[in-house]
N, C-alpha and C. Protein backbone atom coordinates (compact mmCIF):
# COMPACT_ATOMS: atom_id res chain seq x y z
N MET A 1 0.87 -1.38 -0.28
CA MET A 1 -0.41 -0.11 0.08
C MET A 1 0.51 1.02 -0.07
N GLY A 2 1.41 1.10 0.98
CA GLY A 2 2.58 2.32 1.17
C GLY A 2 3.61 2.66 -0.72
N LEU A 3 4.26 1.68 -1.07
CA LEU A 3 4.74 1.78 -2.56
C LEU A 3 4.15 2.23 -2.98
N GLU A 4 3.01 1.80 -3.31
CA GLU A 4 1.86 2.24 -4.00
C GLU A 4 1.70 4.13 -4.34
N MET A 5 1.59 4.14 -3.22
CA MET A 5 1.50 6.06 -3.18
C MET A 5 2.73 6.52 -2.94
N ILE A 6 3.96 5.95 -3.16
CA ILE A 6 4.93 6.75 -3.52
C ILE A 6 5.13 7.06 -4.31
N GLY A 7 4.80 5.39 -5.01
CA GLY A 7 4.80 5.18 -6.63
C GLY A 7 4.00 6.82 -7.34
N ILE A 8 2.81 7.08 -7.15
CA ILE A 8 1.51 8.14 -7.43
C ILE A 8 2.62 9.29 -7.10
N VAL A 9 3.21 9.40 -5.98
CA VAL A 9 2.97 10.50 -5.83
C VAL A 9 4.24 11.57 -7.17
N VAL A 10 5.45 10.00 -7.21
CA VAL A 10 7.12 9.64 -8.32
C VAL A 10 6.06 10.43 -9.08
N ILE A 11 4.81 9.81 -9.84
CA ILE A 11 4.35 9.64 -11.50
C ILE A 11 3.96 11.12 -11.03
N LEU A 12 3.31 11.86 -10.51
CA LEU A 12 2.33 13.29 -9.95
C LEU A 12 4.38 14.18 -10.28
N MET A 13 5.30 14.01 -9.06
CA MET A 13 6.21 14.86 -9.44
C MET A 13 6.92 15.08 -10.81
N GLY A 14 6.91 13.57 -12.23
CA GLY A 14 7.23 13.55 -13.18
C GLY A 14 6.48 14.34 -14.09
N ILE A 15 4.57 14.51 -13.89
CA ILE A 15 4.17 14.59 -15.02
C ILE A 15 4.77 16.46 -14.00
N TYR A 16 4.76 17.02 -13.35
CA TYR A 16 5.01 18.36 -13.04
C TYR A 16 6.17 19.12 -14.14
N GLN A 17 6.90 18.30 -13.59
CA GLN A 17 8.04 18.10 -14.23
C GLN A 17 8.75 18.51 -15.62
N ILE A 18 7.98 17.92 -15.71
CA ILE A 18 7.68 17.79 -17.42
C ILE A 18 7.06 19.01 -17.50
N TYR A 19 6.25 18.88 -17.22
CA TYR A 19 5.11 20.38 -17.58
C TYR A 19 6.02 21.77 -17.06
N VAL A 20 6.85 21.83 -16.06
CA VAL A 20 7.70 23.07 -16.36
C VAL A 20 8.63 23.37 -17.01
N GLY A 21 9.26 21.76 -17.38
CA GLY A 21 10.21 21.73 -18.49
C GLY A 21 9.85 22.91 -19.86
N ARG A 22 8.76 21.79 -19.97
CA ARG A 22 7.91 22.32 -21.20
C ARG A 22 7.14 23.95 -21.98
N LYS A 23 6.55 24.28 -19.92
CA LYS A 23 6.56 25.83 -19.98
C LYS A 23 7.92 26.65 -19.75
N MET A 24 9.08 26.22 -19.59
CA MET A 24 10.58 27.15 -19.15
C MET A 24 10.37 27.00 -20.95
N TYR A 25 10.70 25.85 -21.94
CA TYR A 25 11.62 25.70 -23.76
C TYR A 25 10.41 26.85 -23.91
N PHE A 26 8.88 27.20 -24.39
CA PHE A 26 8.86 28.14 -25.05
C PHE A 26 8.28 29.30 -23.78
N ASN A 27 8.99 29.05 -22.90
CA ASN A 27 8.67 30.98 -23.09
C ASN A 27 10.35 31.42 -23.23
N ILE A 28 11.83 30.59 -23.33
CA ILE A 28 12.79 30.94 -23.35
C ILE A 28 13.28 31.18 -24.68
N LYS A 29 12.31 30.14 -25.77
CA LYS A 29 12.46 30.37 -27.18
C LYS A 29 11.20 31.77 -27.98
N LYS A 30 10.21 32.31 -27.02
CA LYS A 30 9.36 33.41 -26.92
C LYS A 30 10.56 34.45 -26.88
N ASN A 31 10.71 34.33 -26.16
CA ASN A 31 11.05 35.59 -25.79
C ASN A 31 12.71 36.15 -25.38
N VAL A 32 13.76 35.26 -25.73
CA VAL A 32 14.78 35.42 -25.67
C VAL A 32 15.92 35.50 -27.15
N LYS A 33 16.48 36.32 -27.69
CA LYS A 33 16.71 36.79 -28.73
C LYS A 33 17.72 35.21 -29.11
N ASN A 34 18.87 35.33 -28.48
CA ASN A 34 20.04 34.73 -28.59
C ASN A 34 20.77 33.75 -27.18
N PRO A 35 19.42 32.93 -27.54
CA PRO A 35 20.00 31.87 -25.86
C PRO A 35 21.51 30.95 -25.82
N GLN A 36 21.92 30.43 -24.33
CA GLN A 36 22.41 29.87 -25.38
C GLN A 36 22.76 28.79 -24.84
N PRO A 37 23.52 27.70 -25.35
CA PRO A 37 23.24 26.39 -25.88
C PRO A 37 23.19 26.13 -24.21
N TYR A 38 23.37 26.36 -23.34
CA TYR A 38 24.05 25.63 -22.03
C TYR A 38 22.62 25.45 -21.09
N VAL A 39 22.03 27.29 -21.74
CA VAL A 39 20.25 27.25 -21.01
C VAL A 39 19.01 25.68 -22.15
N PHE A 40 19.11 25.80 -22.59
CA PHE A 40 18.15 24.64 -23.23
C PHE A 40 18.67 22.67 -22.70
N MET A 41 20.43 22.49 -22.63
CA MET A 41 20.74 21.25 -22.06
C MET A 41 19.96 21.10 -20.64
N GLY A 42 19.72 22.61 -19.67
CA GLY A 42 18.94 22.00 -18.74
C GLY A 42 17.09 21.89 -18.59
N VAL A 43 17.17 22.50 -19.97
CA VAL A 43 15.93 22.20 -19.78
C VAL A 43 15.71 20.96 -20.23
N TYR A 44 16.51 20.49 -21.40
CA TYR A 44 16.67 19.25 -21.78
C TYR A 44 16.58 18.26 -21.08
N SER A 45 17.15 18.36 -19.80
CA SER A 45 17.44 16.95 -18.47
C SER A 45 16.46 17.54 -17.94
N SER A 46 15.83 18.85 -17.37
CA SER A 46 14.28 18.53 -16.71
C SER A 46 13.66 18.09 -17.88
N LEU A 47 13.29 17.88 -18.40
CA LEU A 47 12.74 16.69 -19.10
C LEU A 47 12.91 15.82 -19.04
N ILE A 48 14.30 15.20 -19.55
CA ILE A 48 14.98 13.60 -18.43
C ILE A 48 14.41 13.64 -17.11
N ILE A 49 14.82 13.95 -16.91
CA ILE A 49 14.68 13.49 -15.03
C ILE A 49 12.87 13.25 -15.40
N GLY A 50 12.52 14.52 -15.38
CA GLY A 50 10.52 13.88 -15.13
C GLY A 50 10.30 12.71 -16.10
N VAL A 51 10.60 12.27 -17.35
CA VAL A 51 10.36 11.02 -17.68
C VAL A 51 10.76 9.88 -16.96
N ILE A 52 12.62 10.63 -16.50
CA ILE A 52 12.61 8.86 -15.20
C ILE A 52 11.71 9.03 -14.14
N CYS A 53 10.91 10.07 -13.59
CA CYS A 53 10.56 9.85 -12.53
C CYS A 53 8.96 9.45 -12.85
N LEU A 54 8.44 9.35 -14.14
CA LEU A 54 7.20 8.85 -14.82
C LEU A 54 7.88 7.70 -14.56
N VAL A 55 9.02 6.80 -14.86
CA VAL A 55 9.14 5.80 -15.65
C VAL A 55 9.22 4.64 -13.88
N VAL A 56 10.06 5.41 -12.75
CA VAL A 56 10.20 4.81 -11.83
C VAL A 56 8.92 4.63 -11.09
N GLY A 57 7.75 5.59 -11.22
CA GLY A 57 6.94 5.54 -10.69
C GLY A 57 6.02 4.76 -10.98
N ALA A 58 6.35 4.42 -12.32
CA ALA A 58 5.26 3.67 -13.18
C ALA A 58 5.56 1.91 -12.38
N PHE A 59 6.90 1.87 -12.12
CA PHE A 59 7.08 0.87 -11.81
C PHE A 59 7.54 0.22 -9.97
N MET A 60 6.79 1.29 -9.45
CA MET A 60 6.59 1.29 -8.40
C MET A 60 5.24 0.99 -8.06
N ILE A 61 4.53 1.15 -8.82
CA ILE A 61 3.28 0.81 -8.69
C ILE A 61 2.58 -0.50 -9.37
N LYS A 62 3.65 -1.27 -10.39
CA LYS A 62 3.13 -2.11 -10.21
C LYS A 62 3.16 -3.24 -9.97
């Protein structure tokens, strides 16, 4: 029971991480004229962490 609840929380964290990363990506694309490449590396790593959280949470529920 406890592991399933933790899995749900991890999935919600992953969804939130992907939402924030996507929002940040479009905000940078829209407002910054000449962004540095490392800014997008940070956004992509944020999206990867979100996907990892989704996978780990799914395995915890299973």
